[in-house]
PDB file of N, CA and C in Angstrom:
ATOM      1  N   UNK A   1     -20.036 -21.727 -22.779  1.00  0.00           N
ATOM      2  CA  UNK A   1     -19.862 -21.488 -21.392  1.00  0.00           C
ATOM      3  C   UNK A   1     -21.327 -20.914 -20.724  1.00  0.00           C
ATOM      4  N   UNK A   2     -21.608 -21.487 -19.727  1.00  0.00           N
ATOM      5  CA  UNK A   2     -22.927 -21.141 -19.151  1.00  0.00           C
ATOM      6  C   UNK A   2     -22.818 -19.985 -18.344  1.00  0.00           C
ATOM      7  N   UNK A   3     -23.977 -19.373 -17.885  1.00  0.00           N
ATOM      8  CA  UNK A   3     -23.891 -18.247 -17.086  1.00  0.00           C
ATOM      9  C   UNK A   3     -23.431 -18.602 -15.855  1.00  0.00           C
ATOM     10  N   UNK A   4     -23.779 -19.566 -15.169  1.00  0.00           N
ATOM     11  CA  UNK A   4     -23.351 -20.091 -13.909  1.00  0.00           C
ATOM     12  C   UNK A   4     -21.615 -20.342 -13.661  1.00  0.00           C
ATOM     13  N   UNK A   5     -21.142 -20.791 -14.893  1.00  0.00           N
ATOM     14  CA  UNK A   5     -19.623 -20.917 -14.826  1.00  0.00           C
ATOM     15  C   UNK A   5     -18.982 -19.545 -15.013  1.00  0.00           C
ATOM     16  N   UNK A   6     -19.584 -18.765 -15.752  1.00  0.00           N
ATOM     17  CA  UNK A   6     -19.102 -17.345 -15.786  1.00  0.00           C
ATOM     18  C   UNK A   6     -19.155 -16.450 -14.500  1.00  0.00           C
ATOM     19  N   UNK A   7     -20.069 -16.710 -13.926  1.00  0.00           N
ATOM     20  CA  UNK A   7     -20.464 -16.205 -12.510  1.00  0.00           C
ATOM     21  C   UNK A   7     -19.362 -16.776 -11.541  1.00  0.00           C
ATOM     22  N   UNK A   8     -19.246 -17.972 -11.596  1.00  0.00           N
ATOM     23  CA  UNK A   8     -18.329 -18.561 -10.762  1.00  0.00           C
ATOM     24  C   UNK A   8     -16.851 -18.061 -11.098  1.00  0.00           C
ATOM     25  N   UNK A   9     -16.369 -18.057 -12.271  1.00  0.00           N
ATOM     26  CA  UNK A   9     -15.220 -17.626 -12.787  1.00  0.00           C
ATOM     27  C   UNK A   9     -15.018 -16.129 -12.180  1.00  0.00           C
ATOM     28  N   UNK A  10     -15.933 -15.327 -12.377  1.00  0.00           N
ATOM     29  CA  UNK A  10     -16.000 -13.812 -11.767  1.00  0.00           C
ATOM     30  C   UNK A  10     -15.763 -13.780 -10.342  1.00  0.00           C
ATOM     31  N   UNK A  11     -16.584 -14.634  -9.710  1.00  0.00           N
ATOM     32  CA  UNK A  11     -16.479 -14.569  -8.200  1.00  0.00           C
ATOM     33  C   UNK A  11     -15.247 -15.194  -7.757  1.00  0.00           C
ATOM     34  N   UNK A  12     -14.452 -15.914  -8.375  1.00  0.00           N
ATOM     35  CA  UNK A  12     -13.104 -16.424  -8.098  1.00  0.00           C
ATOM     36  C   UNK A  12     -12.065 -15.494  -8.356  1.00  0.00           C
ATOM     37  N   UNK A  13     -12.106 -14.588  -9.506  1.00  0.00           N
ATOM     38  CA  UNK A  13     -11.270 -13.622  -9.655  1.00  0.00           C
ATOM     39  C   UNK A  13     -11.491 -12.488  -8.694  1.00  0.00           C
ATOM     40  N   UNK A  14     -12.654 -12.182  -8.203  1.00  0.00           N
ATOM     41  CA  UNK A  14     -12.877 -11.061  -7.251  1.00  0.00           C
ATOM     42  C   UNK A  14     -12.334 -11.611  -5.821  1.00  0.00           C
ATOM     43  N   UNK A  15     -12.372 -12.969  -5.494  1.00  0.00           N
ATOM     44  CA  UNK A  15     -11.995 -13.357  -4.407  1.00  0.00           C
ATOM     45  C   UNK A  15     -10.355 -13.390  -4.236  1.00  0.00           C
ATOM     46  N   UNK A  16      -9.719 -13.722  -5.362  1.00  0.00           N
ATOM     47  CA  UNK A  16      -8.179 -13.621  -5.544  1.00  0.00           C
ATOM     48  C   UNK A  16      -7.864 -12.087  -5.413  1.00  0.00           C
ATOM     49  N   UNK A  17      -8.477 -11.377  -6.113  1.00  0.00           N
ATOM     50  CA  UNK A  17      -8.118  -9.765  -6.013  1.00  0.00           C
ATOM     51  C   UNK A  17      -8.225  -9.132  -4.670  1.00  0.00           C
ATOM     52  N   UNK A  18      -9.224  -9.698  -3.910  1.00  0.00           N
ATOM     53  CA  UNK A  18      -9.568  -9.240  -2.686  1.00  0.00           C
ATOM     54  C   UNK A  18      -8.353  -9.699  -1.532  1.00  0.00           C
ATOM     55  N   UNK A  19      -8.059 -11.018  -1.914  1.00  0.00           N
ATOM     56  CA  UNK A  19      -7.014 -11.498  -0.947  1.00  0.00           C
ATOM     57  C   UNK A  19      -5.690 -10.930  -1.212  1.00  0.00           C
ATOM     58  N   UNK A  20      -5.411 -10.465  -2.462  1.00  0.00           N
ATOM     59  CA  UNK A  20      -4.167  -9.674  -2.783  1.00  0.00           C
ATOM     60  C   UNK A  20      -4.125  -8.207  -2.017  1.00  0.00           C
ATOM     61  N   UNK A  21      -5.172  -7.653  -2.205  1.00  0.00           N
ATOM     62  CA  UNK A  21      -5.391  -6.195  -1.705  1.00  0.00           C
ATOM     63  C   UNK A  21      -5.217  -6.378  -0.218  1.00  0.00           C
ATOM     64  N   UNK A  22      -5.745  -7.461   0.527  1.00  0.00           N
ATOM     65  CA  UNK A  22      -5.646  -7.551   1.921  1.00  0.00           C
ATOM     66  C   UNK A  22      -4.126  -7.785   2.381  1.00  0.00           C
ATOM     67  N   UNK A  23      -3.537  -8.474   1.396  1.00  0.00           N
ATOM     68  CA  UNK A  23      -2.227  -9.019   1.865  1.00  0.00           C
ATOM     69  C   UNK A  23      -1.229  -7.817   1.979  1.00  0.00           C
ATOM     70  N   UNK A  24      -1.487  -6.955   0.735  1.00  0.00           N
ATOM     71  CA  UNK A  24      -0.631  -5.638   0.510  1.00  0.00           C
ATOM     72  C   UNK A  24      -0.883  -4.821   1.598  1.00  0.00           C
ATOM     73  N   UNK A  25      -2.312  -4.697   2.053  1.00  0.00           N
ATOM     74  CA  UNK A  25      -2.627  -3.828   3.076  1.00  0.00           C
ATOM     75  C   UNK A  25      -1.763  -4.144   4.459  1.00  0.00           C
ATOM     76  N   UNK A  26      -1.811  -5.615   4.732  1.00  0.00           N
ATOM     77  CA  UNK A  26      -1.159  -5.861   5.810  1.00  0.00           C
ATOM     78  C   UNK A  26       0.218  -5.676   5.804  1.00  0.00           C
ATOM     79  N   UNK A  27       0.896  -5.903   4.706  1.00  0.00           N
ATOM     80  CA  UNK A  27       2.397  -5.569   4.631  1.00  0.00           C
ATOM     81  C   UNK A  27       2.796  -4.195   4.710  1.00  0.00           C
ATOM     82  N   UNK A  28       1.842  -3.306   4.047  1.00  0.00           N
ATOM     83  CA  UNK A  28       2.209  -1.975   4.161  1.00  0.00           C
ATOM     84  C   UNK A  28       2.031  -1.393   5.542  1.00  0.00           C
ATOM     85  N   UNK A  29       1.187  -2.071   6.372  1.00  0.00           N
ATOM     86  CA  UNK A  29       1.178  -1.547   7.738  1.00  0.00           C
ATOM     87  C   UNK A  29       2.365  -1.967   8.666  1.00  0.00           C
ATOM     88  N   UNK A  30       3.239  -2.549   8.194  1.00  0.00           N
ATOM     89  CA  UNK A  30       4.435  -2.962   8.918  1.00  0.00           C
ATOM     90  C   UNK A  30       5.327  -1.768   8.739  1.00  0.00           C
ATOM     91  N   UNK A  31       6.215  -1.897   9.787  1.00  0.00           N
ATOM     92  CA  UNK A  31       7.323  -0.668   9.686  1.00  0.00           C
ATOM     93  C   UNK A  31       8.080  -0.818   8.471  1.00  0.00           C
ATOM     94  N   UNK A  32       8.705   0.126   7.808  1.00  0.00           N
ATOM     95  CA  UNK A  32       9.486   0.183   6.850  1.00  0.00           C
ATOM     96  C   UNK A  32      10.767  -0.889   6.987  1.00  0.00           C
ATOM     97  N   UNK A  33      11.305  -1.010   8.009  1.00  0.00           N
ATOM     98  CA  UNK A  33      12.460  -1.755   8.221  1.00  0.00           C
ATOM     99  C   UNK A  33      12.144  -3.313   7.990  1.00  0.00           C
ATOM    100  N   UNK A  34      10.913  -3.735   8.596  1.00  0.00           N
ATOM    101  CA  UNK A  34      10.363  -4.933   8.368  1.00  0.00           C
ATOM    102  C   UNK A  34      10.129  -5.326   6.927  1.00  0.00           C
ATOM    103  N   UNK A  35       9.546  -4.179   6.199  1.00  0.00           N
ATOM    104  CA  UNK A  35       9.200  -4.490   4.671  1.00  0.00           C
ATOM    105  C   UNK A  35      10.424  -4.523   4.133  1.00  0.00           C
ATOM    106  N   UNK A  36      11.511  -3.911   4.354  1.00  0.00           N
ATOM    107  CA  UNK A  36      13.005  -4.197   3.535  1.00  0.00           C
ATOM    108  C   UNK A  36      13.324  -5.577   4.004  1.00  0.00           C
ATOM    109  N   UNK A  37      13.287  -6.087   5.075  1.00  0.00           N
ATOM    110  CA  UNK A  37      13.654  -7.334   5.603  1.00  0.00           C
ATOM    111  C   UNK A  37      12.961  -8.207   4.815  1.00  0.00           C
ATOM    112  N   UNK A  38      11.642  -8.358   4.545  1.00  0.00           N
ATOM    113  CA  UNK A  38      11.023  -9.329   3.749  1.00  0.00           C
ATOM    114  C   UNK A  38      10.941  -9.027   2.265  1.00  0.00           C
ATOM    115  N   UNK A  39      11.755  -8.114   1.920  1.00  0.00           N
ATOM    116  CA  UNK A  39      12.044  -7.716   0.440  1.00  0.00           C
ATOM    117  C   UNK A  39      10.753  -7.210  -0.331  1.00  0.00           C
ATOM    118  N   UNK A  40       9.965  -6.386   0.439  1.00  0.00           N
ATOM    119  CA  UNK A  40       8.709  -5.596  -0.186  1.00  0.00           C
ATOM    120  C   UNK A  40       9.401  -4.930  -1.202  1.00  0.00           C
ATOM    121  N   UNK A  41       9.102  -4.823  -2.536  1.00  0.00           N
ATOM    122  CA  UNK A  41       9.615  -4.152  -3.510  1.00  0.00           C
ATOM    123  C   UNK A  41       9.669  -2.530  -3.450  1.00  0.00           C
ATOM    124  N   UNK A  42       8.717  -1.980  -2.865  1.00  0.00           N
ATOM    125  CA  UNK A  42       8.605  -0.522  -2.728  1.00  0.00           C
ATOM    126  C   UNK A  42       9.118   0.056  -1.338  1.00  0.00           C
ATOM    127  N   UNK A  43       9.496  -0.742  -0.700  1.00  0.00           N
ATOM    128  CA  UNK A  43      10.116  -0.236   0.688  1.00  0.00           C
ATOM    129  C   UNK A  43      11.361   0.701   0.491  1.00  0.00           C
ATOM    130  N   UNK A  44      12.156   0.172  -0.601  1.00  0.00           N
ATOM    131  CA  UNK A  44      13.352   0.997  -0.760  1.00  0.00           C
ATOM    132  C   UNK A  44      13.065   2.340  -1.779  1.00  0.00           C
ATOM    133  N   UNK A  45      11.882   2.697  -1.983  1.00  0.00           N
ATOM    134  CA  UNK A  45      11.600   3.938  -2.925  1.00  0.00           C
ATOM    135  C   UNK A  45      11.339   4.888  -1.850  1.00  0.00           C
ATOM    136  N   UNK A  46      12.309   5.483  -1.273  1.00  0.00           N
ATOM    137  CA  UNK A  46      12.339   6.383  -0.313  1.00  0.00           C
ATOM    138  C   UNK A  46      12.427   7.943  -0.740  1.00  0.00           C
ATOM    139  N   UNK A  47      13.014   7.922  -2.063  1.00  0.00           N
ATOM    140  CA  UNK A  47      13.370   9.233  -2.674  1.00  0.00           C
ATOM    141  C   UNK A  47      12.342  10.153  -2.787  1.00  0.00           C
ATOM    142  N   UNK A  48      11.249   9.602  -3.220  1.00  0.00           N
ATOM    143  CA  UNK A  48       9.892  10.269  -3.485  1.00  0.00           C
ATOM    144  C   UNK A  48       9.207  10.572  -2.263  1.00  0.00           C
ATOM    145  N   UNK A  49       9.125   9.902  -1.241  1.00  0.00           N
ATOM    146  CA  UNK A  49       8.514   9.977  -0.057  1.00  0.00           C
ATOM    147  C   UNK A  49       7.302   9.437  -0.047  1.00  0.00           C
ATOM    148  N   UNK A  50       6.699   8.799  -1.319  1.00  0.00           N
ATOM    149  CA  UNK A  50       5.630   8.275  -1.439  1.00  0.00           C
ATOM    150  C   UNK A  50       5.723   6.782  -2.085  1.00  0.00           C
ATOM    151  N   UNK A  51       4.749   5.991  -1.716  1.00  0.00           N
ATOM    152  CA  UNK A  51       4.697   4.588  -2.142  1.00  0.00           C
ATOM    153  C   UNK A  51       3.619   4.360  -3.012  1.00  0.00           C
ATOM    154  N   UNK A  52       3.605   3.928  -4.409  1.00  0.00           N
ATOM    155  CA  UNK A  52       2.536   3.744  -5.270  1.00  0.00           C
ATOM    156  C   UNK A  52       1.987   2.191  -5.099  1.00  0.00           C
ATOM    157  N   UNK A  53       1.007   2.162  -5.516  1.00  0.00           N
ATOM    158  CA  UNK A  53       0.042   0.878  -5.511  1.00  0.00           C
ATOM    159  C   UNK A  53       0.802  -0.215  -6.373  1.00  0.00           C
ATOM    160  N   UNK A  54       0.533  -1.460  -6.385  1.00  0.00           N
ATOM    161  CA  UNK A  54       0.815  -2.634  -6.995  1.00  0.00           C
ATOM    162  C   UNK A  54       0.631  -2.476  -8.481  1.00  0.00           C
ATOM    163  N   UNK A  55       1.473  -2.515  -9.262  1.00  0.00           N
ATOM    164  CA  UNK A  55       1.319  -2.393 -10.636  1.00  0.00           C
ATOM    165  C   UNK A  55       1.517  -1.039 -11.230  1.00  0.00           C
ATOM    166  N   UNK A  56       2.021  -0.163 -10.326  1.00  0.00           N
ATOM    167  CA  UNK A  56       2.480   1.021 -10.612  1.00  0.00           C
ATOM    168  C   UNK A  56       3.686   1.286 -11.550  1.00  0.00           C
ATOM    169  N   UNK A  57       4.416   0.192 -11.571  1.00  0.00           N
ATOM    170  CA  UNK A  57       5.530   0.254 -12.374  1.00  0.00           C
ATOM    171  C   UNK A  57       5.451   0.200 -13.905  1.00  0.00           C
ATOM    172  N   UNK A  58       4.169  -0.198 -14.224  1.00  0.00           N
ATOM    173  CA  UNK A  58       3.926  -0.307 -15.711  1.00  0.00           C
ATOM    174  C   UNK A  58       3.747   1.095 -16.197  1.00  0.00           C
ATOM    175  N   UNK A  59       4.661   1.333 -17.124  1.00  0.00           N
ATOM    176  CA  UNK A  59       4.556   2.673 -17.907  1.00  0.00           C
ATOM    177  C   UNK A  59       5.091   3.733 -16.968  1.00  0.00           C
ATOM    178  N   UNK A  60       5.714   3.540 -15.901  1.00  0.00           N
ATOM    179  CA  UNK A  60       6.119   4.658 -14.950  1.00  0.00           C
ATOM    180  C   UNK A  60       7.688   5.259 -15.577  1.00  0.00           C
ATOM    181  N   UNK A  61       8.352   4.191 -16.275  1.00  0.00           N
ATOM    182  CA  UNK A  61       9.922   4.614 -16.775  1.00  0.00           C
ATOM    183  C   UNK A  61       9.603   5.057 -18.066  1.00  0.00           C
TER     184      UNK A  61
END
């Protein structure tokens, strides 16, 4: 694997992560009722009053 292909792979992964972050941020800016309507998984987690980030389910139980 060459250095250029490694850099290209890293840039692609970074771009995908940034797109996921921006999507999550846009969905979280919606009212809770709309989040529930579209099935956002953490919208129903109201008993603690906080919402954790994506991947917070790992090891939480």
